[in-house]
Amino acid sequence: MPTSVTFKGNPVTLAGDPPAEGQLAPDFTALDAGLQPVSLSSFRGAPVVLNVVPSLDTPVCERQTRHLAEQASTTGFKLVTLSMDLPFAQKRFCETFQLPNVVTLSDFKDRQAGQRWGLELRELGLLARAVFVLDSDGVIRHRQIVPEIAQEPNYAPVLETVKSLL
């Protein structure tokens, strides 16, 4: 069943079908803040929250990332934030808001993540807003594709799921 999303009330097209709960997370490689390639599978061994945002330079993405970073610091899960932002902008964001434990990955170069996860927005060239919880084996235990990109996700089920894995 295709996932439909809107941006400020206007329908936008996902470039594929996002993976389902219970499925092994599709691997991808994206660039970290130091321009080094990092694969999602390198985080296996502990639960991971994959925080997917259109751009960290927007208020909703900022609130979402800061909220999840605060929860990660008190709960102890690994937070990986993925966007199309350049690695330099991601690094500046983490420094500005003092988020040293947030791993940022940029999909701007190869666009592997957006394509493999079906989250690329065709009309905008950005990623849809989504949150996934992966267990220590890389299996998706929670999936939330936010239906209206201009809104924050529902954090409660994300945190419940990740706490059950710790």
N, C-alpha and C. Protein backbone atom coordinates (compact mmCIF):
# COMPACT_ATOMS: atom_id res chain seq x y z
N MET A 1 0.84 -1.18 0.00
CA MET A 1 0.00 0.00 0.00
C MET A 1 0.89 1.24 0.00
N PRO A 2 0.76 2.12 -0.96
CA PRO A 2 1.60 3.31 -1.03
C PRO A 2 1.34 4.24 0.16
N THR A 3 2.39 4.89 0.58
CA THR A 3 2.30 5.87 1.65
C THR A 3 2.09 7.24 1.01
N SER A 4 1.10 7.99 1.50
CA SER A 4 0.89 9.32 0.95
C SER A 4 1.26 10.36 1.99
N VAL A 5 1.88 11.41 1.52
CA VAL A 5 2.27 12.51 2.40
C VAL A 5 1.93 13.82 1.71
N THR A 6 1.81 14.86 2.56
CA THR A 6 1.56 16.19 2.04
C THR A 6 2.60 17.15 2.61
N PHE A 7 2.78 18.24 1.89
CA PHE A 7 3.63 19.33 2.35
C PHE A 7 2.78 20.59 2.35
N LYS A 8 2.47 21.07 3.55
CA LYS A 8 1.57 22.23 3.72
C LYS A 8 0.26 22.01 2.99
N GLY A 9 -0.26 20.78 3.11
CA GLY A 9 -1.56 20.44 2.54
C GLY A 9 -1.53 19.98 1.11
N ASN A 10 -0.42 20.13 0.42
CA ASN A 10 -0.31 19.73 -0.98
C ASN A 10 0.32 18.35 -1.10
N PRO A 11 -0.29 17.43 -1.85
CA PRO A 11 0.28 16.09 -1.99
C PRO A 11 1.67 16.13 -2.65
N VAL A 12 2.56 15.31 -2.14
CA VAL A 12 3.89 15.12 -2.73
C VAL A 12 4.11 13.62 -2.90
N THR A 13 5.00 13.27 -3.81
CA THR A 13 5.19 11.88 -4.20
C THR A 13 6.46 11.29 -3.59
N LEU A 14 6.30 10.18 -2.89
CA LEU A 14 7.47 9.45 -2.41
C LEU A 14 8.02 8.63 -3.56
N ALA A 15 9.34 8.58 -3.68
CA ALA A 15 9.99 7.90 -4.80
C ALA A 15 10.11 6.39 -4.56
N GLY A 16 9.20 5.82 -3.80
CA GLY A 16 9.23 4.38 -3.55
C GLY A 16 8.36 4.04 -2.36
N ASP A 17 8.49 2.80 -1.90
CA ASP A 17 7.73 2.33 -0.75
C ASP A 17 8.66 2.20 0.45
N PRO A 18 8.42 2.96 1.51
CA PRO A 18 9.26 2.84 2.70
C PRO A 18 9.18 1.43 3.28
N PRO A 19 10.27 0.95 3.88
CA PRO A 19 10.28 -0.39 4.44
C PRO A 19 9.30 -0.52 5.61
N ALA A 20 8.85 -1.74 5.83
CA ALA A 20 7.84 -2.03 6.85
C ALA A 20 8.47 -2.48 8.17
N GLU A 21 7.67 -2.39 9.22
CA GLU A 21 8.09 -2.94 10.51
C GLU A 21 8.33 -4.43 10.34
N GLY A 22 9.34 -4.94 11.02
CA GLY A 22 9.69 -6.36 10.95
C GLY A 22 10.68 -6.68 9.84
N GLN A 23 10.93 -5.72 8.99
CA GLN A 23 11.85 -5.90 7.86
C GLN A 23 13.26 -5.46 8.28
N LEU A 24 14.28 -6.12 7.73
CA LEU A 24 15.65 -5.68 7.95
C LEU A 24 15.82 -4.32 7.29
N ALA A 25 16.39 -3.38 8.02
CA ALA A 25 16.57 -2.02 7.51
C ALA A 25 17.46 -2.04 6.27
N PRO A 26 17.00 -1.47 5.18
CA PRO A 26 17.85 -1.40 3.99
C PRO A 26 19.12 -0.61 4.30
N ASP A 27 20.25 -1.15 3.93
CA ASP A 27 21.50 -0.46 4.21
C ASP A 27 21.72 0.66 3.20
N PHE A 28 22.42 1.67 3.61
CA PHE A 28 22.81 2.76 2.73
C PHE A 28 24.10 3.35 3.27
N THR A 29 24.78 4.11 2.43
CA THR A 29 25.96 4.85 2.84
C THR A 29 25.69 6.32 2.57
N ALA A 30 26.00 7.15 3.57
CA ALA A 30 25.85 8.59 3.46
C ALA A 30 27.08 9.23 4.11
N LEU A 31 27.21 10.53 3.94
CA LEU A 31 28.39 11.22 4.46
C LEU A 31 28.14 11.80 5.85
N ASP A 32 29.14 11.61 6.74
CA ASP A 32 29.04 12.19 8.08
C ASP A 32 29.56 13.63 8.04
N ALA A 33 29.62 14.27 9.20
CA ALA A 33 30.01 15.68 9.28
C ALA A 33 31.45 15.92 8.81
N GLY A 34 32.27 14.87 8.80
CA GLY A 34 33.64 14.99 8.32
C GLY A 34 33.81 14.56 6.87
N LEU A 35 32.70 14.43 6.14
CA LEU A 35 32.67 14.01 4.74
C LEU A 35 33.13 12.56 4.53
N GLN A 36 33.04 11.76 5.58
CA GLN A 36 33.42 10.35 5.49
C GLN A 36 32.17 9.51 5.24
N PRO A 37 32.27 8.51 4.37
CA PRO A 37 31.12 7.64 4.13
C PRO A 37 30.87 6.74 5.35
N VAL A 38 29.61 6.65 5.74
CA VAL A 38 29.20 5.82 6.88
C VAL A 38 27.99 5.01 6.44
N SER A 39 28.02 3.72 6.74
CA SER A 39 26.86 2.89 6.39
C SER A 39 25.95 2.74 7.61
N LEU A 40 24.68 2.64 7.36
CA LEU A 40 23.71 2.46 8.44
C LEU A 40 24.01 1.17 9.21
N SER A 41 24.43 0.13 8.50
CA SER A 41 24.70 -1.15 9.16
C SER A 41 25.85 -1.07 10.17
N SER A 42 26.67 -0.03 10.09
CA SER A 42 27.78 0.10 11.05
C SER A 42 27.29 0.40 12.47
N PHE A 43 26.00 0.74 12.63
CA PHE A 43 25.45 1.04 13.94
C PHE A 43 24.81 -0.17 14.61
N ARG A 44 24.83 -1.31 13.95
CA ARG A 44 24.23 -2.51 14.55
C ARG A 44 24.95 -2.87 15.84
N GLY A 45 24.22 -3.52 16.72
CA GLY A 45 24.77 -3.90 18.02
C GLY A 45 24.07 -3.17 19.15
N ALA A 46 23.31 -2.15 18.80
CA ALA A 46 22.53 -1.39 19.79
C ALA A 46 21.31 -0.81 19.08
N PRO A 47 20.25 -0.52 19.83
CA PRO A 47 19.08 0.10 19.20
C PRO A 47 19.44 1.48 18.63
N VAL A 48 18.82 1.79 17.51
CA VAL A 48 19.07 3.07 16.81
C VAL A 48 17.73 3.70 16.48
N VAL A 49 17.65 4.99 16.69
CA VAL A 49 16.51 5.77 16.17
C VAL A 49 17.04 6.50 14.95
N LEU A 50 16.45 6.19 13.80
CA LEU A 50 16.79 6.87 12.55
C LEU A 50 15.79 8.00 12.38
N ASN A 51 16.29 9.21 12.54
CA ASN A 51 15.50 10.43 12.50
C ASN A 51 15.69 11.05 11.12
N VAL A 52 14.67 11.01 10.28
CA VAL A 52 14.77 11.50 8.91
C VAL A 52 14.02 12.83 8.82
N VAL A 53 14.73 13.86 8.36
CA VAL A 53 14.13 15.20 8.28
C VAL A 53 14.42 15.83 6.92
N PRO A 54 13.52 16.70 6.45
CA PRO A 54 13.78 17.39 5.19
C PRO A 54 15.00 18.31 5.26
N SER A 55 15.09 19.17 6.30
CA SER A 55 16.23 20.07 6.43
C SER A 55 16.34 20.56 7.87
N LEU A 56 17.52 20.45 8.44
CA LEU A 56 17.75 20.90 9.81
C LEU A 56 17.60 22.41 9.95
N ASP A 57 17.60 23.13 8.85
CA ASP A 57 17.46 24.59 8.87
C ASP A 57 16.01 25.06 8.94
N THR A 58 15.09 24.18 9.31
CA THR A 58 13.69 24.56 9.45
C THR A 58 13.26 24.35 10.90
N PRO A 59 12.30 25.12 11.38
CA PRO A 59 11.90 25.02 12.79
C PRO A 59 11.38 23.65 13.21
N VAL A 60 10.60 23.00 12.37
CA VAL A 60 10.04 21.69 12.75
C VAL A 60 11.15 20.64 12.84
N CYS A 61 12.05 20.64 11.87
CA CYS A 61 13.17 19.68 11.90
C CYS A 61 14.08 19.94 13.09
N GLU A 62 14.28 21.21 13.40
CA GLU A 62 15.10 21.57 14.55
C GLU A 62 14.46 21.03 15.83
N ARG A 63 13.17 21.30 16.02
CA ARG A 63 12.49 20.82 17.24
C ARG A 63 12.52 19.31 17.33
N GLN A 64 12.25 18.64 16.22
CA GLN A 64 12.24 17.17 16.20
C GLN A 64 13.60 16.61 16.60
N THR A 65 14.64 17.13 16.00
CA THR A 65 15.99 16.61 16.26
C THR A 65 16.43 16.93 17.68
N ARG A 66 16.17 18.12 18.14
CA ARG A 66 16.56 18.50 19.50
C ARG A 66 15.78 17.67 20.53
N HIS A 67 14.49 17.44 20.29
CA HIS A 67 13.68 16.64 21.21
C HIS A 67 14.22 15.20 21.29
N LEU A 68 14.48 14.60 20.14
CA LEU A 68 14.99 13.23 20.15
C LEU A 68 16.40 13.17 20.74
N ALA A 69 17.21 14.20 20.51
CA ALA A 69 18.56 14.23 21.10
C ALA A 69 18.48 14.29 22.62
N GLU A 70 17.54 15.06 23.14
CA GLU A 70 17.36 15.15 24.60
C GLU A 70 16.94 13.79 25.16
N GLN A 71 16.02 13.13 24.46
CA GLN A 71 15.59 11.79 24.90
C GLN A 71 16.72 10.77 24.81
N ALA A 72 17.53 10.87 23.78
CA ALA A 72 18.66 9.95 23.62
C ALA A 72 19.67 10.13 24.74
N SER A 73 19.89 11.37 25.15
CA SER A 73 20.89 11.62 26.21
C SER A 73 20.42 11.09 27.56
N THR A 74 19.11 11.05 27.79
CA THR A 74 18.61 10.54 29.08
C THR A 74 18.26 9.06 29.03
N THR A 75 17.96 8.56 27.84
CA THR A 75 17.53 7.16 27.72
C THR A 75 18.66 6.24 27.30
N GLY A 76 19.58 6.75 26.48
CA GLY A 76 20.74 5.96 26.11
C GLY A 76 20.70 5.27 24.76
N PHE A 77 19.81 5.67 23.86
CA PHE A 77 19.81 5.07 22.54
C PHE A 77 20.68 5.90 21.59
N LYS A 78 21.05 5.30 20.47
CA LYS A 78 21.83 5.97 19.44
C LYS A 78 20.88 6.71 18.51
N LEU A 79 21.14 8.00 18.30
CA LEU A 79 20.32 8.82 17.41
C LEU A 79 21.11 9.14 16.15
N VAL A 80 20.57 8.73 15.02
CA VAL A 80 21.17 9.02 13.72
C VAL A 80 20.17 9.89 12.96
N THR A 81 20.59 11.10 12.61
CA THR A 81 19.72 12.03 11.88
C THR A 81 20.18 12.09 10.44
N LEU A 82 19.23 11.86 9.54
CA LEU A 82 19.50 11.82 8.11
C LEU A 82 18.73 12.93 7.42
N SER A 83 19.43 13.67 6.55
CA SER A 83 18.78 14.71 5.75
C SER A 83 19.58 14.92 4.47
N MET A 84 19.07 15.79 3.62
CA MET A 84 19.78 16.18 2.40
C MET A 84 20.69 17.38 2.64
N ASP A 85 20.70 17.91 3.88
CA ASP A 85 21.58 19.03 4.19
C ASP A 85 23.03 18.67 3.92
N LEU A 86 23.81 19.66 3.56
CA LEU A 86 25.24 19.42 3.40
C LEU A 86 25.86 19.07 4.75
N PRO A 87 26.89 18.25 4.77
CA PRO A 87 27.54 17.88 6.03
C PRO A 87 27.99 19.10 6.84
N PHE A 88 28.40 20.16 6.18
CA PHE A 88 28.85 21.37 6.88
C PHE A 88 27.70 22.00 7.67
N ALA A 89 26.52 22.03 7.06
CA ALA A 89 25.34 22.59 7.74
C ALA A 89 24.93 21.69 8.90
N GLN A 90 25.01 20.38 8.71
CA GLN A 90 24.67 19.45 9.80
C GLN A 90 25.62 19.64 10.98
N LYS A 91 26.90 19.77 10.68
CA LYS A 91 27.89 19.98 11.74
C LYS A 91 27.62 21.28 12.49
N ARG A 92 27.35 22.33 11.75
CA ARG A 92 27.06 23.63 12.36
C ARG A 92 25.81 23.53 13.25
N PHE A 93 24.79 22.82 12.80
CA PHE A 93 23.57 22.63 13.58
C PHE A 93 23.88 21.97 14.92
N CYS A 94 24.64 20.89 14.88
CA CYS A 94 24.98 20.17 16.13
C CYS A 94 25.84 21.03 17.05
N GLU A 95 26.74 21.81 16.50
CA GLU A 95 27.56 22.70 17.32
C GLU A 95 26.73 23.83 17.92
N THR A 96 25.85 24.42 17.12
CA THR A 96 25.02 25.53 17.58
C THR A 96 24.13 25.11 18.75
N PHE A 97 23.54 23.92 18.65
CA PHE A 97 22.61 23.46 19.68
C PHE A 97 23.27 22.51 20.68
N GLN A 98 24.59 22.40 20.61
CA GLN A 98 25.37 21.57 21.54
C GLN A 98 24.81 20.15 21.63
N LEU A 99 24.84 19.48 20.48
CA LEU A 99 24.35 18.11 20.35
C LEU A 99 25.49 17.19 19.94
N PRO A 100 26.48 17.00 20.81
CA PRO A 100 27.65 16.22 20.42
C PRO A 100 27.37 14.74 20.19
N ASN A 101 26.27 14.22 20.71
CA ASN A 101 25.99 12.78 20.59
C ASN A 101 25.06 12.43 19.43
N VAL A 102 24.68 13.42 18.65
CA VAL A 102 23.83 13.16 17.48
C VAL A 102 24.73 12.87 16.29
N VAL A 103 24.52 11.73 15.67
CA VAL A 103 25.23 11.40 14.44
C VAL A 103 24.40 11.95 13.30
N THR A 104 24.99 12.79 12.47
CA THR A 104 24.28 13.30 11.30
C THR A 104 24.86 12.66 10.05
N LEU A 105 23.97 12.29 9.15
CA LEU A 105 24.36 11.73 7.87
C LEU A 105 23.66 12.50 6.77
N SER A 106 24.42 12.84 5.75
CA SER A 106 23.90 13.61 4.62
C SER A 106 23.74 12.71 3.40
N ASP A 107 22.55 12.74 2.83
CA ASP A 107 22.24 11.92 1.65
C ASP A 107 22.35 12.74 0.36
N PHE A 108 22.95 13.94 0.44
CA PHE A 108 22.97 14.84 -0.72
C PHE A 108 23.76 14.29 -1.89
N LYS A 109 24.83 13.53 -1.62
CA LYS A 109 25.74 13.15 -2.70
C LYS A 109 25.21 12.01 -3.56
N ASP A 110 24.95 10.87 -2.94
CA ASP A 110 24.54 9.69 -3.71
C ASP A 110 23.04 9.39 -3.65
N ARG A 111 22.34 10.00 -2.69
CA ARG A 111 20.90 9.82 -2.53
C ARG A 111 20.49 8.37 -2.36
N GLN A 112 21.40 7.57 -1.80
CA GLN A 112 21.11 6.15 -1.57
C GLN A 112 19.98 5.94 -0.57
N ALA A 113 20.04 6.65 0.53
CA ALA A 113 19.06 6.43 1.60
C ALA A 113 17.66 6.76 1.12
N GLY A 114 17.50 7.93 0.53
CA GLY A 114 16.18 8.34 0.06
C GLY A 114 15.60 7.37 -0.94
N GLN A 115 16.44 6.83 -1.81
CA GLN A 115 15.97 5.89 -2.82
C GLN A 115 15.70 4.52 -2.21
N ARG A 116 16.63 4.00 -1.42
CA ARG A 116 16.46 2.66 -0.84
C ARG A 116 15.35 2.59 0.20
N TRP A 117 15.10 3.70 0.86
CA TRP A 117 14.05 3.73 1.89
C TRP A 117 12.74 4.29 1.36
N GLY A 118 12.69 4.69 0.08
CA GLY A 118 11.46 5.21 -0.51
C GLY A 118 11.01 6.51 0.11
N LEU A 119 11.94 7.33 0.59
CA LEU A 119 11.60 8.56 1.31
C LEU A 119 11.92 9.83 0.54
N GLU A 120 12.49 9.71 -0.63
CA GLU A 120 12.80 10.91 -1.40
C GLU A 120 11.50 11.51 -1.94
N LEU A 121 11.36 12.82 -1.77
CA LEU A 121 10.19 13.53 -2.27
C LEU A 121 10.50 14.02 -3.68
N ARG A 122 9.85 13.45 -4.66
CA ARG A 122 10.16 13.76 -6.06
C ARG A 122 10.06 15.24 -6.37
N GLU A 123 9.02 15.89 -5.90
CA GLU A 123 8.79 17.29 -6.24
C GLU A 123 9.78 18.24 -5.57
N LEU A 124 10.31 17.85 -4.42
CA LEU A 124 11.14 18.76 -3.63
C LEU A 124 12.62 18.40 -3.60
N GLY A 125 12.96 17.16 -3.93
CA GLY A 125 14.36 16.74 -3.85
C GLY A 125 14.85 16.63 -2.41
N LEU A 126 13.93 16.55 -1.47
CA LEU A 126 14.26 16.40 -0.05
C LEU A 126 13.77 15.04 0.42
N LEU A 127 14.00 14.76 1.70
CA LEU A 127 13.51 13.52 2.29
C LEU A 127 12.23 13.80 3.06
N ALA A 128 11.34 12.83 3.09
CA ALA A 128 10.12 12.93 3.88
C ALA A 128 10.48 12.91 5.37
N ARG A 129 9.58 13.41 6.18
CA ARG A 129 9.78 13.37 7.64
C ARG A 129 9.36 11.99 8.12
N ALA A 130 10.29 11.31 8.82
CA ALA A 130 10.01 9.95 9.29
C ALA A 130 10.90 9.63 10.49
N VAL A 131 10.46 8.67 11.27
CA VAL A 131 11.26 8.16 12.38
C VAL A 131 11.12 6.64 12.38
N PHE A 132 12.27 5.97 12.44
CA PHE A 132 12.30 4.51 12.51
C PHE A 132 13.09 4.10 13.74
N VAL A 133 12.65 3.03 14.39
CA VAL A 133 13.41 2.45 15.49
C VAL A 133 13.92 1.10 15.00
N LEU A 134 15.24 0.94 15.07
CA LEU A 134 15.88 -0.31 14.65
C LEU A 134 16.40 -1.04 15.89
N ASP A 135 16.21 -2.34 15.94
CA ASP A 135 16.77 -3.10 17.05
C ASP A 135 18.26 -3.33 16.81
N SER A 136 18.91 -4.01 17.72
CA SER A 136 20.36 -4.18 17.63
C SER A 136 20.80 -5.01 16.42
N ASP A 137 19.86 -5.75 15.82
CA ASP A 137 20.16 -6.53 14.61
C ASP A 137 19.82 -5.78 13.33
N GLY A 138 19.32 -4.54 13.47
CA GLY A 138 18.97 -3.75 12.30
C GLY A 138 17.59 -4.01 11.76
N VAL A 139 16.72 -4.64 12.56
CA VAL A 139 15.34 -4.89 12.14
C VAL A 139 14.48 -3.70 12.56
N ILE A 140 13.61 -3.27 11.68
CA ILE A 140 12.73 -2.13 11.97
C ILE A 140 11.64 -2.57 12.93
N ARG A 141 11.60 -1.95 14.11
CA ARG A 141 10.61 -2.28 15.13
C ARG A 141 9.52 -1.22 15.25
N HIS A 142 9.77 -0.05 14.71
CA HIS A 142 8.74 0.99 14.66
C HIS A 142 9.00 1.82 13.41
N ARG A 143 7.91 2.18 12.74
CA ARG A 143 8.00 3.00 11.52
C ARG A 143 6.94 4.09 11.61
N GLN A 144 7.37 5.30 11.41
CA GLN A 144 6.43 6.41 11.39
C GLN A 144 6.80 7.36 10.26
N ILE A 145 5.99 7.36 9.22
CA ILE A 145 6.12 8.32 8.13
C ILE A 145 5.11 9.41 8.46
N VAL A 146 5.57 10.61 8.72
CA VAL A 146 4.67 11.68 9.14
C VAL A 146 3.85 12.12 7.92
N PRO A 147 2.51 12.03 8.01
CA PRO A 147 1.68 12.31 6.84
C PRO A 147 1.73 13.76 6.35
N GLU A 148 1.92 14.70 7.26
CA GLU A 148 2.05 16.11 6.87
C GLU A 148 3.46 16.55 7.25
N ILE A 149 4.28 16.79 6.24
CA ILE A 149 5.71 17.06 6.45
C ILE A 149 5.96 18.27 7.34
N ALA A 150 5.04 19.21 7.36
CA ALA A 150 5.22 20.41 8.17
C ALA A 150 4.89 20.19 9.65
N GLN A 151 4.56 18.94 10.04
CA GLN A 151 4.24 18.63 11.44
C GLN A 151 5.27 17.69 12.04
N GLU A 152 5.40 17.75 13.36
CA GLU A 152 6.31 16.86 14.08
C GLU A 152 5.71 15.46 14.17
N PRO A 153 6.57 14.46 14.37
CA PRO A 153 6.07 13.11 14.56
C PRO A 153 5.44 12.95 15.95
N ASN A 154 4.78 11.83 16.14
CA ASN A 154 4.27 11.44 17.46
C ASN A 154 5.42 10.74 18.17
N TYR A 155 5.98 11.37 19.18
CA TYR A 155 7.17 10.84 19.84
C TYR A 155 6.89 9.66 20.76
N ALA A 156 5.71 9.59 21.35
CA ALA A 156 5.42 8.57 22.37
C ALA A 156 5.69 7.14 21.89
N PRO A 157 5.17 6.71 20.73
CA PRO A 157 5.44 5.33 20.31
C PRO A 157 6.90 5.08 19.96
N VAL A 158 7.59 6.12 19.50
CA VAL A 158 9.03 5.99 19.21
C VAL A 158 9.77 5.66 20.50
N LEU A 159 9.51 6.46 21.53
CA LEU A 159 10.21 6.28 22.80
C LEU A 159 9.81 4.99 23.50
N GLU A 160 8.53 4.62 23.41
CA GLU A 160 8.09 3.34 23.99
C GLU A 160 8.83 2.18 23.35
N THR A 161 8.93 2.21 22.04
CA THR A 161 9.58 1.11 21.32
C THR A 161 11.06 1.04 21.66
N VAL A 162 11.75 2.17 21.63
CA VAL A 162 13.19 2.14 21.88
C VAL A 162 13.47 1.72 23.33
N LYS A 163 12.65 2.17 24.27
CA LYS A 163 12.85 1.77 25.68
C LYS A 163 12.66 0.27 25.85
N SER A 164 11.74 -0.33 25.09
CA SER A 164 11.50 -1.78 25.19
C SER A 164 12.71 -2.58 24.66
N LEU A 165 13.56 -1.92 23.86
CA LEU A 165 14.72 -2.61 23.28
C LEU A 165 15.98 -2.44 24.12
N LEU A 166 15.97 -1.52 25.08
CA LEU A 166 17.17 -1.26 25.88
C LEU A 166 17.27 -2.21 27.05
